[in-house]
Protein backbone atom coordinates (compact mmCIF):
# COMPACT_ATOMS: atom_id res chain seq x y z
CA UNK A 1 -12.32 -56.79 65.74
CA UNK A 2 -14.77 -58.98 63.91
CA UNK A 3 -15.43 -62.34 65.44
CA UNK A 4 -15.07 -65.17 62.94
CA UNK A 5 -17.03 -68.31 63.69
CA UNK A 6 -16.36 -71.58 61.92
CA UNK A 7 -18.95 -74.28 62.39
CA UNK A 8 -18.73 -77.97 61.59
CA UNK A 9 -21.81 -80.13 61.25
CA UNK A 10 -19.99 -83.01 62.85
CA UNK A 11 -20.17 -81.25 66.19
CA UNK A 12 -23.92 -80.86 65.98
CA UNK A 13 -26.61 -83.50 66.49
CA UNK A 14 -29.26 -83.98 63.76
CA UNK A 15 -32.87 -83.29 64.62
CA UNK A 16 -36.24 -82.40 63.11
CA UNK A 17 -36.25 -78.79 61.86
CA UNK A 18 -38.45 -76.57 64.02
CA UNK A 19 -39.52 -72.96 63.66
CA UNK A 20 -38.08 -71.08 66.59
CA UNK A 21 -38.07 -67.55 67.88
CA UNK A 22 -40.26 -64.96 69.52
CA UNK A 23 -42.25 -61.94 68.44
CA UNK A 24 -39.37 -59.54 69.03
CA UNK A 25 -37.15 -61.52 66.71
CA UNK A 26 -39.85 -61.73 64.07
CA UNK A 27 -40.11 -57.95 64.16
CA UNK A 28 -36.60 -57.83 62.83
CA UNK A 29 -34.45 -56.13 65.43
CA UNK A 30 -32.40 -52.97 64.91
CA UNK A 31 -32.23 -51.72 61.31
CA UNK A 32 -29.04 -49.67 61.44
CA UNK A 33 -26.52 -47.74 63.46
CA UNK A 34 -25.38 -49.97 66.29
CA UNK A 35 -26.24 -53.57 65.49
CA UNK A 36 -24.35 -56.69 64.50
CA UNK A 37 -25.32 -58.55 61.33
CA UNK A 38 -24.49 -62.26 61.56
CA UNK A 39 -23.86 -63.72 58.11
CA UNK A 40 -23.43 -67.39 57.17
CA UNK A 41 -20.75 -67.87 54.49
CA UNK A 42 -19.56 -71.13 52.95
CA UNK A 43 -15.87 -70.20 52.82
CA UNK A 44 -13.28 -68.20 54.68
CA UNK A 45 -13.52 -64.55 53.56
CA UNK A 46 -10.27 -63.49 51.90
CA UNK A 47 -9.14 -60.05 50.75
CA UNK A 48 -10.68 -60.82 47.35
CA UNK A 49 -14.01 -62.03 48.77
CA UNK A 50 -16.42 -59.60 47.07
CA UNK A 51 -19.44 -60.28 49.29
CA UNK A 52 -17.45 -59.94 52.50
CA UNK A 53 -15.92 -56.69 51.20
CA UNK A 54 -19.38 -55.35 50.36
CA UNK A 55 -20.62 -56.27 53.84
CA UNK A 56 -17.67 -54.46 55.41
CA UNK A 57 -18.25 -51.35 53.31
CA UNK A 58 -21.94 -51.31 54.25
CA UNK A 59 -21.02 -51.72 57.93
CA UNK A 60 -18.58 -48.82 57.74
CA UNK A 61 -21.17 -46.57 56.10
CA UNK A 62 -23.97 -47.44 58.52
CA UNK A 63 -22.06 -47.85 61.77
CA UNK A 64 -23.06 -51.49 62.10
CA UNK A 65 -20.82 -54.53 62.53
CA UNK A 66 -20.63 -57.75 60.53
CA UNK A 67 -19.97 -61.12 62.14
CA UNK A 68 -19.20 -63.86 59.55
CA UNK A 69 -20.06 -67.47 60.41
CA UNK A 70 -18.12 -69.83 58.15
CA UNK A 71 -20.06 -73.05 57.52
CA UNK A 72 -18.64 -75.21 54.70
CA UNK A 73 -21.16 -76.03 51.97
CA UNK A 74 -21.33 -79.73 52.83
CA UNK A 75 -22.18 -78.88 56.45
CA UNK A 76 -24.79 -76.18 55.88
CA UNK A 77 -27.91 -78.34 55.96
CA UNK A 78 -27.10 -79.95 59.30
CA UNK A 79 -25.73 -76.74 60.81
CA UNK A 80 -28.76 -74.70 59.78
CA UNK A 81 -31.10 -77.22 61.39
CA UNK A 82 -29.09 -77.12 64.58
CA UNK A 83 -29.02 -73.33 64.71
CA UNK A 84 -32.78 -73.23 64.16
CA UNK A 85 -33.38 -75.62 67.05
CA UNK A 86 -31.05 -73.63 69.31
CA UNK A 87 -32.75 -70.33 68.42
CA UNK A 88 -29.41 -69.11 67.07
CA UNK A 89 -30.09 -68.42 63.39
CA UNK A 90 -27.88 -66.00 61.46
CA UNK A 91 -29.46 -62.84 60.08
CA UNK A 92 -28.34 -63.44 56.51
CA UNK A 93 -27.43 -66.68 54.72
CA UNK A 94 -25.39 -67.06 51.55
CA UNK A 95 -26.72 -70.29 50.08
CA UNK A 96 -27.49 -72.33 46.98
CA UNK A 97 -29.84 -74.83 48.59
CA UNK A 98 -31.33 -73.95 51.97
CA UNK A 99 -34.32 -71.97 50.65
CA UNK A 100 -35.15 -74.87 48.34
CA UNK A 101 -34.93 -77.44 51.15
CA UNK A 102 -36.62 -75.38 53.89
CA UNK A 103 -38.73 -72.65 52.26
CA UNK A 104 -40.90 -72.28 55.36
CA UNK A 105 -37.87 -71.10 57.35
CA UNK A 106 -37.15 -68.02 55.21
CA UNK A 107 -38.64 -64.55 55.01
CA UNK A 108 -40.44 -63.45 51.83
CA UNK A 109 -38.48 -60.47 50.46
CA UNK A 110 -41.08 -59.46 47.87
CA UNK A 111 -42.07 -56.31 49.77
CA UNK A 112 -38.44 -55.24 50.08
CA UNK A 113 -36.91 -56.13 46.70
CA UNK A 114 -38.41 -55.69 43.24
CA UNK A 115 -37.99 -59.06 41.49
CA UNK A 116 -38.32 -57.45 38.06
CA UNK A 117 -34.86 -55.87 38.37
CA UNK A 118 -33.21 -59.27 37.97
CA UNK A 119 -32.44 -61.25 34.85
CA UNK A 120 -35.33 -63.68 35.04
CA UNK A 121 -33.37 -66.72 33.84
CA UNK A 122 -30.72 -66.04 36.48
CA UNK A 123 -33.41 -65.60 39.13
CA UNK A 124 -35.13 -68.87 38.21
CA UNK A 125 -31.84 -70.79 38.24
CA UNK A 126 -30.82 -69.38 41.62
CA UNK A 127 -34.23 -69.49 43.35
CA UNK A 128 -35.26 -73.02 42.26
CA UNK A 129 -38.72 -72.13 43.56
CA UNK A 130 -42.00 -73.26 41.99
CA UNK A 131 -43.74 -70.36 43.78
CA UNK A 132 -41.34 -67.68 42.53
CA UNK A 133 -44.17 -65.71 40.92
CA UNK A 134 -45.73 -65.01 44.31
CA UNK A 135 -42.70 -64.76 46.62
CA UNK A 136 -38.97 -64.09 46.80
CA UNK A 137 -37.12 -66.20 49.38
CA UNK A 138 -33.62 -65.63 48.00
CA UNK A 139 -32.03 -62.59 46.37
CA UNK A 140 -29.20 -63.27 43.87
CA UNK A 141 -25.65 -62.41 44.78
CA UNK A 142 -23.79 -64.51 42.22
CA UNK A 143 -24.73 -65.82 38.78
CA UNK A 144 -22.27 -68.39 37.50
CA UNK A 145 -21.38 -70.59 34.55
CA UNK A 146 -19.16 -73.62 34.34
CA UNK A 147 -16.05 -72.78 32.33
CA UNK A 148 -12.66 -74.07 31.24
CA UNK A 149 -9.39 -72.43 32.35
CA UNK A 150 -6.00 -73.16 30.85
CA UNK A 151 -2.39 -72.42 31.79
CA UNK A 152 -1.22 -70.33 28.83
CA UNK A 153 2.44 -70.59 29.83
CA UNK A 154 2.22 -74.39 29.93
CA UNK A 155 0.51 -74.38 26.53
CA UNK A 156 3.40 -72.34 25.10
CA UNK A 157 5.98 -74.66 26.65
CA UNK A 158 4.21 -77.72 25.21
CA UNK A 159 3.76 -76.07 21.80
CA UNK A 160 -0.03 -76.18 21.94
CA UNK A 161 -2.17 -73.51 20.29
CA UNK A 162 -5.18 -72.76 22.48
CA UNK A 163 -8.72 -73.09 21.11
CA UNK A 164 -10.73 -69.98 20.28
CA UNK A 165 -14.26 -68.97 19.39
CA UNK A 166 -13.33 -69.63 15.74
CA UNK A 167 -11.60 -72.92 16.51
CA UNK A 168 -13.49 -74.73 19.26
CA UNK A 169 -11.93 -77.99 20.41
CA UNK A 170 -13.72 -81.30 20.66
CA UNK A 171 -13.65 -83.12 23.98
CA UNK A 172 -11.29 -85.62 22.37
CA UNK A 173 -8.90 -82.77 21.57
CA UNK A 174 -9.07 -81.64 25.21
CA UNK A 175 -8.00 -85.08 26.41
CA UNK A 176 -5.26 -85.22 23.74
CA UNK A 177 -3.94 -81.78 24.73
CA UNK A 178 -4.04 -82.78 28.40
CA UNK A 179 -1.88 -85.84 27.63
CA UNK A 180 0.52 -83.72 25.58
CA UNK A 181 0.84 -81.15 28.36
CA UNK A 182 1.68 -83.89 30.83
CA UNK A 183 4.15 -85.61 28.52
CA UNK A 184 5.94 -82.31 27.88
CA UNK A 185 6.69 -81.90 31.58
CA UNK A 186 5.06 -78.46 31.63
CA UNK A 187 2.57 -79.65 34.25
CA UNK A 188 2.08 -82.61 36.54
CA UNK A 189 -1.49 -83.27 35.38
CA UNK A 190 -3.01 -82.37 32.05
CA UNK A 191 -6.57 -81.87 33.28
CA UNK A 192 -8.50 -81.41 36.51
CA UNK A 193 -12.26 -81.47 37.04
CA UNK A 194 -13.90 -80.17 40.21
CA UNK A 195 -15.22 -82.96 42.45
CA UNK A 196 -18.73 -81.95 41.49
CA UNK A 197 -21.48 -83.73 39.62
CA UNK A 198 -22.40 -80.38 38.04
CA UNK A 199 -18.95 -79.99 36.49
CA UNK A 200 -18.81 -83.64 35.42
CA UNK A 201 -22.27 -83.37 33.89
CA UNK A 202 -20.93 -81.00 31.23
CA UNK A 203 -19.18 -84.03 29.74
CA UNK A 204 -22.51 -85.87 29.73
CA UNK A 205 -24.56 -83.01 28.29
CA UNK A 206 -22.04 -82.35 25.51
CA UNK A 207 -22.68 -85.89 24.29
CA UNK A 208 -26.45 -85.38 24.47
CA UNK A 209 -26.95 -87.35 27.69
CA UNK A 210 -29.06 -86.38 30.67
CA UNK A 211 -30.26 -87.60 34.05
CA UNK A 212 -33.93 -87.34 33.05
CA UNK A 213 -36.02 -87.03 29.90
CA UNK A 214 -39.61 -85.93 29.36
CA UNK A 215 -42.10 -87.89 27.27
CA UNK A 216 -45.24 -85.81 27.20
CA UNK A 217 -45.95 -84.88 30.81
CA UNK A 218 -44.05 -87.89 32.13
CA UNK A 219 -40.51 -87.69 33.57
CA UNK A 220 -38.31 -90.73 32.97
CA UNK A 221 -34.93 -91.61 34.47
CA UNK A 222 -32.21 -91.58 31.81
CA UNK A 223 -29.07 -91.65 33.97
CA UNK A 224 -27.86 -95.05 32.73
CA UNK A 225 -28.37 -94.39 29.02
CA UNK A 226 -25.60 -95.80 26.77
CA UNK A 227 -24.18 -92.34 25.96
CA UNK A 228 -23.89 -91.59 29.69
CA UNK A 229 -22.10 -94.87 30.36
CA UNK A 230 -19.66 -94.14 27.52
CA UNK A 231 -18.81 -90.71 28.95
CA UNK A 232 -18.15 -92.18 32.40
CA UNK A 233 -16.03 -94.99 30.92
CA UNK A 234 -13.82 -92.41 29.19
CA UNK A 235 -13.58 -90.29 32.33
CA UNK A 236 -12.52 -93.34 34.38
CA UNK A 237 -9.99 -94.31 31.70
CA UNK A 238 -8.35 -90.84 31.73
CA UNK A 239 -8.20 -90.87 35.54
CA UNK A 240 -6.61 -94.33 35.48
CA UNK A 241 -4.04 -93.06 32.96
CA UNK A 242 -3.00 -90.34 35.40
CA UNK A 243 -3.95 -87.48 33.10
CA UNK A 244 -6.22 -86.24 35.89
CA UNK A 245 -5.31 -86.22 39.60
CA UNK A 246 -7.36 -89.32 40.39
CA UNK A 247 -7.20 -88.66 44.11
CA UNK A 248 -9.64 -85.73 43.68
CA UNK A 249 -12.39 -88.06 42.45
CA UNK A 250 -11.65 -91.09 44.60
CA UNK A 251 -12.06 -89.08 47.79
CA UNK A 252 -8.51 -89.81 48.88
CA UNK A 253 -7.65 -86.16 49.40
CA UNK A 254 -9.30 -82.98 50.59
CA UNK A 255 -7.05 -80.95 48.29
CA UNK A 256 -8.86 -78.45 46.11
CA UNK A 257 -8.40 -78.80 42.33
CA UNK A 258 -8.40 -74.99 42.27
CA UNK A 259 -5.17 -75.10 44.25
CA UNK A 260 -3.75 -77.65 41.82
CA UNK A 261 -4.37 -75.18 39.00
CA UNK A 262 -3.18 -72.08 40.88
CA UNK A 263 0.01 -73.90 41.91
CA UNK A 264 0.78 -74.66 38.26
CA UNK A 265 0.30 -78.43 38.60
CA UNK A 266 -2.62 -78.62 36.13
CA UNK A 267 -2.78 -77.46 32.51
CA UNK A 268 -6.57 -77.41 31.88
CA UNK A 269 -9.18 -76.95 34.58
CA UNK A 270 -12.96 -77.45 34.37
CA UNK A 271 -14.50 -75.34 37.11
CA UNK A 272 -16.66 -72.23 37.09
CA UNK A 273 -16.72 -68.46 36.81
CA UNK A 274 -16.88 -68.12 40.62
CA UNK A 275 -13.20 -69.16 40.73
CA UNK A 276 -12.02 -66.55 38.24
CA UNK A 277 -11.26 -63.89 40.83
CA UNK A 278 -9.30 -66.27 43.05
CA UNK A 279 -7.21 -67.52 40.14
CA UNK A 280 -6.63 -63.98 38.84
CA UNK A 281 -5.23 -62.83 42.19
CA UNK A 282 -3.24 -65.93 43.10
CA UNK A 283 -1.84 -67.63 39.98
CA UNK A 284 1.72 -66.55 39.18
CA UNK A 285 1.49 -67.62 35.52
CA UNK A 286 -0.50 -66.48 32.51
CA UNK A 287 -3.89 -68.15 32.30
CA UNK A 288 -6.97 -67.66 30.17
CA UNK A 289 -10.46 -69.01 29.55
CA UNK A 290 -11.28 -71.23 26.58
CA UNK A 291 -14.65 -71.90 24.94
CA UNK A 292 -16.35 -75.06 26.17
CA UNK A 293 -15.39 -78.05 24.00
CA UNK A 294 -17.83 -79.85 21.75
CA UNK A 295 -18.84 -83.39 22.58
CA UNK A 296 -20.45 -85.72 20.07
CA UNK A 297 -23.51 -83.43 20.01
CA UNK A 298 -22.79 -79.92 21.31
CA UNK A 299 -20.96 -77.57 23.63
CA UNK A 300 -22.22 -77.58 27.20
CA UNK A 301 -22.39 -74.99 29.94
CA UNK A 302 -24.21 -75.31 33.24
CA UNK A 303 -25.57 -72.15 34.80
CA UNK A 304 -26.03 -71.75 38.51
CA UNK A 305 -25.51 -69.31 41.28
CA UNK A 306 -26.09 -68.41 44.85
CA UNK A 307 -28.21 -65.97 46.76
CA UNK A 308 -28.76 -64.22 50.04
CA UNK A 309 -31.68 -65.24 52.21
CA UNK A 310 -33.08 -63.97 55.51
CA UNK A 311 -34.27 -66.58 58.04
CA UNK A 312 -37.83 -65.87 59.21
CA UNK A 313 -36.81 -65.94 62.87
CA UNK A 314 -33.49 -64.13 62.66
CA UNK A 315 -32.76 -61.52 65.28
CA UNK A 316 -31.87 -58.67 62.92
CA UNK A 317 -34.16 -59.18 59.95
CA UNK A 318 -34.48 -55.45 59.22
CA UNK A 319 -30.70 -55.03 59.12
CA UNK A 320 -30.39 -57.89 56.64
CA UNK A 321 -33.03 -56.29 54.42
CA UNK A 322 -31.24 -52.94 54.69
CA UNK A 323 -28.01 -54.52 53.46
CA UNK A 324 -29.76 -56.15 50.51
CA UNK A 325 -31.37 -52.91 49.34
CA UNK A 326 -27.99 -51.18 49.74
CA UNK A 327 -26.22 -53.89 47.71
CA UNK A 328 -28.59 -53.48 44.75
CA UNK A 329 -28.14 -49.72 44.47
CA UNK A 330 -26.40 -49.23 41.12
CA UNK A 331 -23.07 -47.81 42.34
CA UNK A 332 -22.72 -50.43 45.06
CA UNK A 333 -23.76 -53.24 42.73
CA UNK A 334 -21.28 -52.22 40.02
CA UNK A 335 -18.45 -52.05 42.54
CA UNK A 336 -19.45 -55.46 43.90
CA UNK A 337 -19.73 -57.01 40.43
CA UNK A 338 -16.36 -55.66 39.32
CA UNK A 339 -14.75 -57.02 42.48
CA UNK A 340 -16.49 -60.39 42.14
CA UNK A 341 -15.70 -60.71 38.40
CA UNK A 342 -19.12 -62.31 38.09
CA UNK A 343 -21.85 -62.32 35.47
CA UNK A 344 -24.43 -59.60 35.97
CA UNK A 345 -27.79 -60.78 37.28
CA UNK A 346 -29.49 -57.37 37.09
CA UNK A 347 -31.13 -56.44 33.79
CA UNK A 348 -29.26 -53.85 31.76
CA UNK A 349 -26.28 -53.55 34.12
CA UNK A 350 -22.86 -54.80 33.03
CA UNK A 351 -19.25 -54.02 33.85
CA UNK A 352 -16.75 -52.76 31.27
CA UNK A 353 -13.44 -54.12 32.52
CA UNK A 354 -10.42 -51.85 31.98
CA UNK A 355 -8.00 -54.78 32.21
CA UNK A 356 -7.64 -56.12 28.64
CA UNK A 357 -6.94 -59.65 29.83
CA UNK A 358 -10.06 -59.74 32.04
CA UNK A 359 -12.15 -58.14 29.30
CA UNK A 360 -11.03 -60.78 26.77
CA UNK A 361 -11.80 -63.63 29.15
CA UNK A 362 -15.22 -62.22 29.97
CA UNK A 363 -16.10 -61.81 26.31
CA UNK A 364 -15.64 -65.57 26.00
CA UNK A 365 -17.57 -66.20 29.22
CA UNK A 366 -20.52 -64.02 28.17
CA UNK A 367 -20.67 -65.83 24.82
CA UNK A 368 -20.78 -69.15 26.67
CA UNK A 369 -24.25 -68.33 28.00
CA UNK A 370 -25.67 -69.54 24.68
CA UNK A 371 -24.31 -73.04 25.38
CA UNK A 372 -26.66 -73.89 28.25
CA UNK A 373 -28.19 -77.06 26.82
CA UNK A 374 -31.80 -78.20 26.61
CA UNK A 375 -30.79 -81.38 28.43
CA UNK A 376 -29.57 -79.36 31.42
CA UNK A 377 -32.75 -77.27 31.47
CA UNK A 378 -34.86 -80.46 31.38
CA UNK A 379 -32.92 -81.88 34.32
CA UNK A 380 -33.15 -78.57 36.17
CA UNK A 381 -36.93 -78.36 35.70
CA UNK A 382 -37.35 -82.00 36.81
CA UNK A 383 -35.71 -81.07 40.16
CA UNK A 384 -34.30 -84.57 40.50
CA UNK A 385 -31.88 -83.26 43.14
CA UNK A 386 -34.85 -82.91 45.49
CA UNK A 387 -34.78 -86.71 45.71
CA UNK A 388 -31.08 -87.55 45.43
CA UNK A 389 -28.03 -85.34 44.98
CA UNK A 390 -24.71 -86.23 46.61
CA UNK A 391 -25.60 -89.90 46.07
CA UNK A 392 -25.09 -89.40 42.33
CA UNK A 393 -21.60 -87.97 42.84
CA UNK A 394 -20.81 -90.88 45.14
CA UNK A 395 -21.68 -93.39 42.42
CA UNK A 396 -19.40 -91.48 40.02
CA UNK A 397 -16.66 -91.60 42.68
CA UNK A 398 -17.07 -95.34 43.12
CA UNK A 399 -16.68 -95.84 39.37
CA UNK A 400 -13.47 -93.75 39.28
CA UNK A 401 -12.18 -95.64 42.34
CA UNK A 402 -12.79 -98.98 40.59
CA UNK A 403 -15.33 -100.14 43.16
CA UNK A 404 -18.00 -100.46 40.45
CA UNK A 405 -17.94 -100.44 36.66
CA UNK A 406 -19.43 -97.32 35.02
CA UNK A 407 -22.41 -99.41 33.92
CA UNK A 408 -22.97 -100.76 37.43
CA UNK A 409 -22.65 -97.32 38.99
CA UNK A 410 -25.14 -95.62 36.68
CA UNK A 411 -27.55 -98.56 36.77
CA UNK A 412 -27.56 -98.42 40.57
CA UNK A 413 -28.10 -94.67 40.63
CA UNK A 414 -30.89 -94.89 38.03
CA UNK A 415 -32.64 -97.52 40.15
CA UNK A 416 -32.25 -95.46 43.32
CA UNK A 417 -33.63 -92.33 41.64
CA UNK A 418 -36.50 -94.27 40.11
CA UNK A 419 -37.52 -95.64 43.49
CA UNK A 420 -37.10 -92.34 45.32
CA UNK A 421 -38.88 -90.12 42.76
CA UNK A 422 -41.42 -92.66 41.53
CA UNK A 423 -40.27 -92.28 37.90
CA UNK A 424 -39.83 -95.16 35.48
CA UNK A 425 -36.43 -95.86 33.96
CA UNK A 426 -36.34 -95.09 30.23
CA UNK A 427 -36.06 -98.25 28.16
């Protein structure tokens, strides 16, 4: 049986990150046949977990074993530091942030994996590495977009015609439909938004707002611009009205908004493509994907993703590299992608879904790639999250909770970011 480890950062003491290990570990350990590959995941692997299924298939083919270590996303930074200090690093890490925060702790995969095989935009978004031209610290395993799900059965019950590529809703129409869904009794809440600044920021970008702006070569803080304050004021208002489950954004519950949607309690759900597979397999109602709504300026989609990285001092480095090269073989990759229901991150390779419903949803999702905004790309290139990240979401939470006004919250965040990054606040 596989051993499943679940690690909480709260049980581990913080410390200064140190490079650990010995020459045998650096050599990479056993490549195949009788080893155990320890893999850090951010969530419990379910039957639909595409990466875990790929790992298990590889293990079966090679005679190796896989040992998942479940470390929730919010605990990964602290847990990784602790494992490094204790000379107990995993062999493979599924991450969105660790290679950006601790590049010196990860092995350069350039000699193992040809970077040119990847969609270069996807690679840049996932790697977040200014030295990407000369190294590869993380290999993509998921390329994602923010997207909007809706409960088609609830729409029918409420007498609402869903938006389409030829009839894109405005954000105002989304809020109106959410209120109508709730009033009809078809759902408990009209709308849910992941407790994530990246999902919330779609509302900001669609109105032309941004966290930063560039004037020449200078980066300025723009987080408290009037258009941003207006978006947050509306979001707070809709939470106060009960159209959204306010408890998600006030921190009063650990419940997942994905579960709210899957359970049929929510009519419209702003989340991401990474949740498609889970919803497909677990929702017992008809659902679909809608085009992103238009704000006062544009539609907005945020692209992102995750990758697989090999710690420099892991025990079984060669085994981790062997799995990665196996994963990117065309037949294995296509099987993985079809299972994951993700967006392809390898040039020229796509999946033709036999399921008409899935194919229709993914036609909409693929078309959404054109709605990644310039404002998002400016913020992404500024790398403001290197200075502050969760602090921004906390200010948004405090505004929703009524602890601060939207103006106060964004003013405070803008000041904090200005001081931390050394950037002036845009007048």
